[in-house]
């Protein structure tokens, strides 16, 4: 999500069956600590049978 001078990154863990958001976090970096912390937070709530990742797309475009 673009903000005034930077970006915010939203990470959400969603139960595919119920479509319930198990956990979510916003951060201004997309470093590995943020992602691992999000995963740990969600795994405290429940352990999935199957886990996959949608890495999304980078909406920023280069201006020529």
PDB file of N, CA and C in Angstrom:
ATOM      1  N   UNK A   1       0.845  -1.167   0.000  1.00  0.00           N
ATOM      2  CA  UNK A   1       0.000   0.000   0.000  1.00  0.00           C
ATOM      3  C   UNK A   1       0.897   1.237   0.000  1.00  0.00           C
ATOM      4  N   UNK A   2       0.739   2.067  -0.976  1.00  0.00           N
ATOM      5  CA  UNK A   2       1.564   3.269  -0.995  1.00  0.00           C
ATOM      6  C   UNK A   2       1.119   4.257   0.082  1.00  0.00           C
ATOM      7  N   UNK A   3       2.098   4.866   0.715  1.00  0.00           N
ATOM      8  CA  UNK A   3       1.833   5.960   1.647  1.00  0.00           C
ATOM      9  C   UNK A   3       2.624   7.158   1.158  1.00  0.00           C
ATOM     10  N   UNK A   4       2.601   8.224   1.889  1.00  0.00           N
ATOM     11  CA  UNK A   4       3.162   9.491   1.420  1.00  0.00           C
ATOM     12  C   UNK A   4       4.552   9.356   0.780  1.00  0.00           C
ATOM     13  N   UNK A   5       5.493   8.739   1.465  1.00  0.00           N
ATOM     14  CA  UNK A   5       6.860   8.697   0.920  1.00  0.00           C
ATOM     15  C   UNK A   5       7.429   7.290   0.848  1.00  0.00           C
ATOM     16  N   UNK A   6       6.590   6.277   1.044  1.00  0.00           N
ATOM     17  CA  UNK A   6       7.117   4.916   1.094  1.00  0.00           C
ATOM     18  C   UNK A   6       5.990   3.923   0.809  1.00  0.00           C
ATOM     19  N   UNK A   7       6.140   2.723   1.357  1.00  0.00           N
ATOM     20  CA  UNK A   7       5.151   1.665   1.197  1.00  0.00           C
ATOM     21  C   UNK A   7       4.899   0.999   2.537  1.00  0.00           C
ATOM     22  N   UNK A   8       3.691   0.467   2.723  1.00  0.00           N
ATOM     23  CA  UNK A   8       3.375  -0.413   3.842  1.00  0.00           C
ATOM     24  C   UNK A   8       3.034  -1.775   3.254  1.00  0.00           C
ATOM     25  N   UNK A   9       3.489  -2.821   3.921  1.00  0.00           N
ATOM     26  CA  UNK A   9       3.253  -4.175   3.453  1.00  0.00           C
ATOM     27  C   UNK A   9       2.284  -4.874   4.390  1.00  0.00           C
ATOM     28  N   UNK A  10       1.224  -5.436   3.831  1.00  0.00           N
ATOM     29  CA  UNK A  10       0.220  -6.169   4.587  1.00  0.00           C
ATOM     30  C   UNK A  10       0.456  -7.659   4.367  1.00  0.00           C
ATOM     31  N   UNK A  11       0.580  -8.387   5.452  1.00  0.00           N
ATOM     32  CA  UNK A  11       0.678  -9.842   5.392  1.00  0.00           C
ATOM     33  C   UNK A  11      -0.492 -10.406   6.177  1.00  0.00           C
ATOM     34  N   UNK A  12      -1.208 -11.330   5.568  1.00  0.00           N
ATOM     35  CA  UNK A  12      -2.359 -11.943   6.225  1.00  0.00           C
ATOM     36  C   UNK A  12      -2.289 -13.456   6.057  1.00  0.00           C
ATOM     37  N   UNK A  13      -2.634 -14.163   7.111  1.00  0.00           N
ATOM     38  CA  UNK A  13      -2.761 -15.619   7.067  1.00  0.00           C
ATOM     39  C   UNK A  13      -4.260 -15.903   7.076  1.00  0.00           C
ATOM     40  N   UNK A  14      -4.727 -16.582   6.032  1.00  0.00           N
ATOM     41  CA  UNK A  14      -6.161 -16.815   5.851  1.00  0.00           C
ATOM     42  C   UNK A  14      -6.436 -18.309   5.804  1.00  0.00           C
ATOM     43  N   UNK A  15      -7.472 -18.734   6.523  1.00  0.00           N
ATOM     44  CA  UNK A  15      -7.948 -20.110   6.445  1.00  0.00           C
ATOM     45  C   UNK A  15      -8.754 -20.235   5.151  1.00  0.00           C
ATOM     46  N   UNK A  16      -8.273 -21.068   4.238  1.00  0.00           N
ATOM     47  CA  UNK A  16      -8.914 -21.192   2.922  1.00  0.00           C
ATOM     48  C   UNK A  16     -10.329 -21.744   3.019  1.00  0.00           C
ATOM     49  N   UNK A  17     -10.576 -22.626   3.968  1.00  0.00           N
ATOM     50  CA  UNK A  17     -11.899 -23.252   4.070  1.00  0.00           C
ATOM     51  C   UNK A  17     -12.947 -22.240   4.561  1.00  0.00           C
ATOM     52  N   UNK A  18     -12.672 -21.597   5.679  1.00  0.00           N
ATOM     53  CA  UNK A  18     -13.652 -20.670   6.257  1.00  0.00           C
ATOM     54  C   UNK A  18     -13.483 -19.239   5.747  1.00  0.00           C
ATOM     55  N   UNK A  19     -12.343 -18.962   5.110  1.00  0.00           N
ATOM     56  CA  UNK A  19     -11.973 -17.617   4.652  1.00  0.00           C
ATOM     57  C   UNK A  19     -11.823 -16.646   5.815  1.00  0.00           C
ATOM     58  N   UNK A  20     -11.522 -17.186   6.973  1.00  0.00           N
ATOM     59  CA  UNK A  20     -11.312 -16.394   8.178  1.00  0.00           C
ATOM     60  C   UNK A  20      -9.864 -15.920   8.227  1.00  0.00           C
ATOM     61  N   UNK A  21      -9.651 -14.658   8.543  1.00  0.00           N
ATOM     62  CA  UNK A  21      -8.288 -14.140   8.683  1.00  0.00           C
ATOM     63  C   UNK A  21      -7.787 -14.546  10.062  1.00  0.00           C
ATOM     64  N   UNK A  22      -6.765 -15.398  10.075  1.00  0.00           N
ATOM     65  CA  UNK A  22      -6.233 -15.922  11.330  1.00  0.00           C
ATOM     66  C   UNK A  22      -5.345 -14.880  12.019  1.00  0.00           C
ATOM     67  N   UNK A  23      -4.513 -14.218  11.249  1.00  0.00           N
ATOM     68  CA  UNK A  23      -3.613 -13.201  11.795  1.00  0.00           C
ATOM     69  C   UNK A  23      -3.209 -12.255  10.662  1.00  0.00           C
ATOM     70  N   UNK A  24      -2.879 -11.019  11.040  1.00  0.00           N
ATOM     71  CA  UNK A  24      -2.410 -10.062  10.042  1.00  0.00           C
ATOM     72  C   UNK A  24      -1.477  -9.054  10.706  1.00  0.00           C
ATOM     73  N   UNK A  25      -0.613  -8.452   9.884  1.00  0.00           N
ATOM     74  CA  UNK A  25       0.332  -7.437  10.362  1.00  0.00           C
ATOM     75  C   UNK A  25       0.635  -6.460   9.229  1.00  0.00           C
ATOM     76  N   UNK A  26       0.929  -5.240   9.606  1.00  0.00           N
ATOM     77  CA  UNK A  26       1.418  -4.214   8.681  1.00  0.00           C
ATOM     78  C   UNK A  26       2.839  -3.850   9.098  1.00  0.00           C
ATOM     79  N   UNK A  27       3.693  -3.606   8.115  1.00  0.00           N
ATOM     80  CA  UNK A  27       5.056  -3.184   8.418  1.00  0.00           C
ATOM     81  C   UNK A  27       5.583  -2.359   7.252  1.00  0.00           C
ATOM     82  N   UNK A  28       6.584  -1.545   7.522  1.00  0.00           N
ATOM     83  CA  UNK A  28       7.158  -0.719   6.462  1.00  0.00           C
ATOM     84  C   UNK A  28       8.355  -1.381   5.788  1.00  0.00           C
ATOM     85  N   UNK A  29       8.683  -2.590   6.192  1.00  0.00           N
ATOM     86  CA  UNK A  29       9.733  -3.359   5.523  1.00  0.00           C
ATOM     87  C   UNK A  29       9.173  -4.735   5.189  1.00  0.00           C
ATOM     88  N   UNK A  30       9.795  -5.408   4.275  1.00  0.00           N
ATOM     89  CA  UNK A  30       9.378  -6.763   3.935  1.00  0.00           C
ATOM     90  C   UNK A  30      10.555  -7.686   4.194  1.00  0.00           C
ATOM     91  N   UNK A  31      11.183  -7.483   5.343  1.00  0.00           N
ATOM     92  CA  UNK A  31      12.332  -8.326   5.670  1.00  0.00           C
ATOM     93  C   UNK A  31      11.864  -9.656   6.255  1.00  0.00           C
ATOM     94  N   UNK A  32      12.770 -10.592   6.360  1.00  0.00           N
ATOM     95  CA  UNK A  32      12.432 -11.950   6.777  1.00  0.00           C
ATOM     96  C   UNK A  32      11.921 -11.996   8.218  1.00  0.00           C
ATOM     97  N   UNK A  33      12.386 -11.117   9.072  1.00  0.00           N
ATOM     98  CA  UNK A  33      11.918 -11.091  10.452  1.00  0.00           C
ATOM     99  C   UNK A  33      10.428 -10.795  10.540  1.00  0.00           C
ATOM    100  N   UNK A  34       9.954  -9.899   9.708  1.00  0.00           N
ATOM    101  CA  UNK A  34       8.535  -9.557   9.657  1.00  0.00           C
ATOM    102  C   UNK A  34       7.700 -10.757   9.222  1.00  0.00           C
ATOM    103  N   UNK A  35       8.146 -11.428   8.182  1.00  0.00           N
ATOM    104  CA  UNK A  35       7.413 -12.580   7.654  1.00  0.00           C
ATOM    105  C   UNK A  35       7.419 -13.742   8.648  1.00  0.00           C
ATOM    106  N   UNK A  36       8.564 -14.017   9.250  1.00  0.00           N
ATOM    107  CA  UNK A  36       8.637 -15.107  10.230  1.00  0.00           C
ATOM    108  C   UNK A  36       7.810 -14.792  11.475  1.00  0.00           C
ATOM    109  N   UNK A  37       7.821 -13.556  11.921  1.00  0.00           N
ATOM    110  CA  UNK A  37       7.012 -13.161  13.066  1.00  0.00           C
ATOM    111  C   UNK A  37       5.521 -13.346  12.791  1.00  0.00           C
ATOM    112  N   UNK A  38       5.113 -12.996  11.588  1.00  0.00           N
ATOM    113  CA  UNK A  38       3.722 -13.183  11.182  1.00  0.00           C
ATOM    114  C   UNK A  38       3.356 -14.660  11.177  1.00  0.00           C
ATOM    115  N   UNK A  39       4.234 -15.482  10.655  1.00  0.00           N
ATOM    116  CA  UNK A  39       3.986 -16.925  10.609  1.00  0.00           C
ATOM    117  C   UNK A  39       3.897 -17.515  12.009  1.00  0.00           C
ATOM    118  N   UNK A  40       4.787 -17.098  12.893  1.00  0.00           N
ATOM    119  CA  UNK A  40       4.749 -17.596  14.283  1.00  0.00           C
ATOM    120  C   UNK A  40       3.449 -17.200  14.974  1.00  0.00           C
ATOM    121  N   UNK A  41       3.015 -15.976  14.734  1.00  0.00           N
ATOM    122  CA  UNK A  41       1.771 -15.500  15.339  1.00  0.00           C
ATOM    123  C   UNK A  41       0.585 -16.353  14.884  1.00  0.00           C
ATOM    124  N   UNK A  42       0.531 -16.666  13.605  1.00  0.00           N
ATOM    125  CA  UNK A  42      -0.569 -17.477  13.080  1.00  0.00           C
ATOM    126  C   UNK A  42      -0.481 -18.921  13.572  1.00  0.00           C
ATOM    127  N   UNK A  43       0.721 -19.466  13.678  1.00  0.00           N
ATOM    128  CA  UNK A  43       0.874 -20.858  14.112  1.00  0.00           C
ATOM    129  C   UNK A  43       0.531 -21.044  15.586  1.00  0.00           C
ATOM    130  N   UNK A  44       0.515 -19.988  16.374  1.00  0.00           N
ATOM    131  CA  UNK A  44       0.075 -20.088  17.763  1.00  0.00           C
ATOM    132  C   UNK A  44      -1.425 -20.334  17.841  1.00  0.00           C
ATOM    133  N   UNK A  45      -2.146 -19.929  16.815  1.00  0.00           N
ATOM    134  CA  UNK A  45      -3.591 -20.095  16.774  1.00  0.00           C
ATOM    135  C   UNK A  45      -3.970 -21.489  16.279  1.00  0.00           C
ATOM    136  N   UNK A  46      -3.243 -21.989  15.291  1.00  0.00           N
ATOM    137  CA  UNK A  46      -3.537 -23.314  14.743  1.00  0.00           C
ATOM    138  C   UNK A  46      -2.451 -23.760  13.794  1.00  0.00           C
ATOM    139  N   UNK A  47      -2.367 -25.063  13.583  1.00  0.00           N
ATOM    140  CA  UNK A  47      -1.384 -25.639  12.675  1.00  0.00           C
ATOM    141  C   UNK A  47      -2.108 -26.145  11.429  1.00  0.00           C
ATOM    142  N   UNK A  48      -1.757 -25.613  10.262  1.00  0.00           N
ATOM    143  CA  UNK A  48      -2.455 -26.014   9.042  1.00  0.00           C
ATOM    144  C   UNK A  48      -2.006 -27.383   8.534  1.00  0.00           C
ATOM    145  N   UNK A  49      -2.905 -28.038   7.805  1.00  0.00           N
ATOM    146  CA  UNK A  49      -2.558 -29.274   7.124  1.00  0.00           C
ATOM    147  C   UNK A  49      -1.756 -28.951   5.871  1.00  0.00           C
ATOM    148  N   UNK A  50      -2.159 -27.909   5.177  1.00  0.00           N
ATOM    149  CA  UNK A  50      -1.485 -27.451   3.962  1.00  0.00           C
ATOM    150  C   UNK A  50      -1.201 -25.963   4.126  1.00  0.00           C
ATOM    151  N   UNK A  51       0.003 -25.544   3.742  1.00  0.00           N
ATOM    152  CA  UNK A  51       0.337 -24.121   3.809  1.00  0.00           C
ATOM    153  C   UNK A  51       1.003 -23.723   2.497  1.00  0.00           C
ATOM    154  N   UNK A  52       0.487 -22.676   1.866  1.00  0.00           N
ATOM    155  CA  UNK A  52       1.118 -22.179   0.648  1.00  0.00           C
ATOM    156  C   UNK A  52       1.296 -20.681   0.739  1.00  0.00           C
ATOM    157  N   UNK A  53       1.991 -20.141  -0.225  1.00  0.00           N
ATOM    158  CA  UNK A  53       2.319 -18.720  -0.192  1.00  0.00           C
ATOM    159  C   UNK A  53       1.974 -18.078  -1.523  1.00  0.00           C
ATOM    160  N   UNK A  54       1.227 -16.988  -1.456  1.00  0.00           N
ATOM    161  CA  UNK A  54       1.004 -16.157  -2.627  1.00  0.00           C
ATOM    162  C   UNK A  54       1.878 -14.933  -2.437  1.00  0.00           C
ATOM    163  N   UNK A  55       2.923 -14.848  -3.203  1.00  0.00           N
ATOM    164  CA  UNK A  55       3.869 -13.760  -3.016  1.00  0.00           C
ATOM    165  C   UNK A  55       3.371 -12.464  -3.618  1.00  0.00           C
ATOM    166  N   UNK A  56       2.207 -12.518  -4.242  1.00  0.00           N
ATOM    167  CA  UNK A  56       1.603 -11.294  -4.762  1.00  0.00           C
ATOM    168  C   UNK A  56       2.393 -10.706  -5.927  1.00  0.00           C
ATOM    169  N   UNK A  57       2.071  -9.502  -6.253  1.00  0.00           N
ATOM    170  CA  UNK A  57       2.773  -8.827  -7.341  1.00  0.00           C
ATOM    171  C   UNK A  57       3.248  -7.475  -6.840  1.00  0.00           C
ATOM    172  N   UNK A  58       4.297  -7.014  -7.414  1.00  0.00           N
ATOM    173  CA  UNK A  58       4.837  -5.703  -7.083  1.00  0.00           C
ATOM    174  C   UNK A  58       4.132  -4.687  -7.964  1.00  0.00           C
ATOM    175  N   UNK A  59       3.311  -3.839  -7.369  1.00  0.00           N
ATOM    176  CA  UNK A  59       2.511  -2.896  -8.160  1.00  0.00           C
ATOM    177  C   UNK A  59       3.299  -1.658  -8.575  1.00  0.00           C
ATOM    178  N   UNK A  60       4.488  -1.486  -8.004  1.00  0.00           N
ATOM    179  CA  UNK A  60       5.301  -0.328  -8.412  1.00  0.00           C
ATOM    180  C   UNK A  60       5.786  -0.534  -9.842  1.00  0.00           C
ATOM    181  N   UNK A  61       5.747   0.508 -10.616  1.00  0.00           N
ATOM    182  CA  UNK A  61       6.185   0.429 -12.002  1.00  0.00           C
ATOM    183  C   UNK A  61       7.333   1.398 -12.224  1.00  0.00           C
ATOM    184  N   UNK A  62       8.242   0.959 -13.061  1.00  0.00           N
ATOM    185  CA  UNK A  62       9.366   1.820 -13.426  1.00  0.00           C
ATOM    186  C   UNK A  62       8.870   2.889 -14.394  1.00  0.00           C
ATOM    187  N   UNK A  63       9.290   4.108 -14.172  1.00  0.00           N
ATOM    188  CA  UNK A  63       8.936   5.200 -15.073  1.00  0.00           C
ATOM    189  C   UNK A  63      10.117   5.468 -15.964  1.00  0.00           C
ATOM    190  N   UNK A  64       9.897   5.354 -17.270  1.00  0.00           N
ATOM    191  CA  UNK A  64      11.003   5.531 -18.231  1.00  0.00           C
ATOM    192  C   UNK A  64      11.193   6.981 -18.580  1.00  0.00           C
TER     193      UNK A  64
END
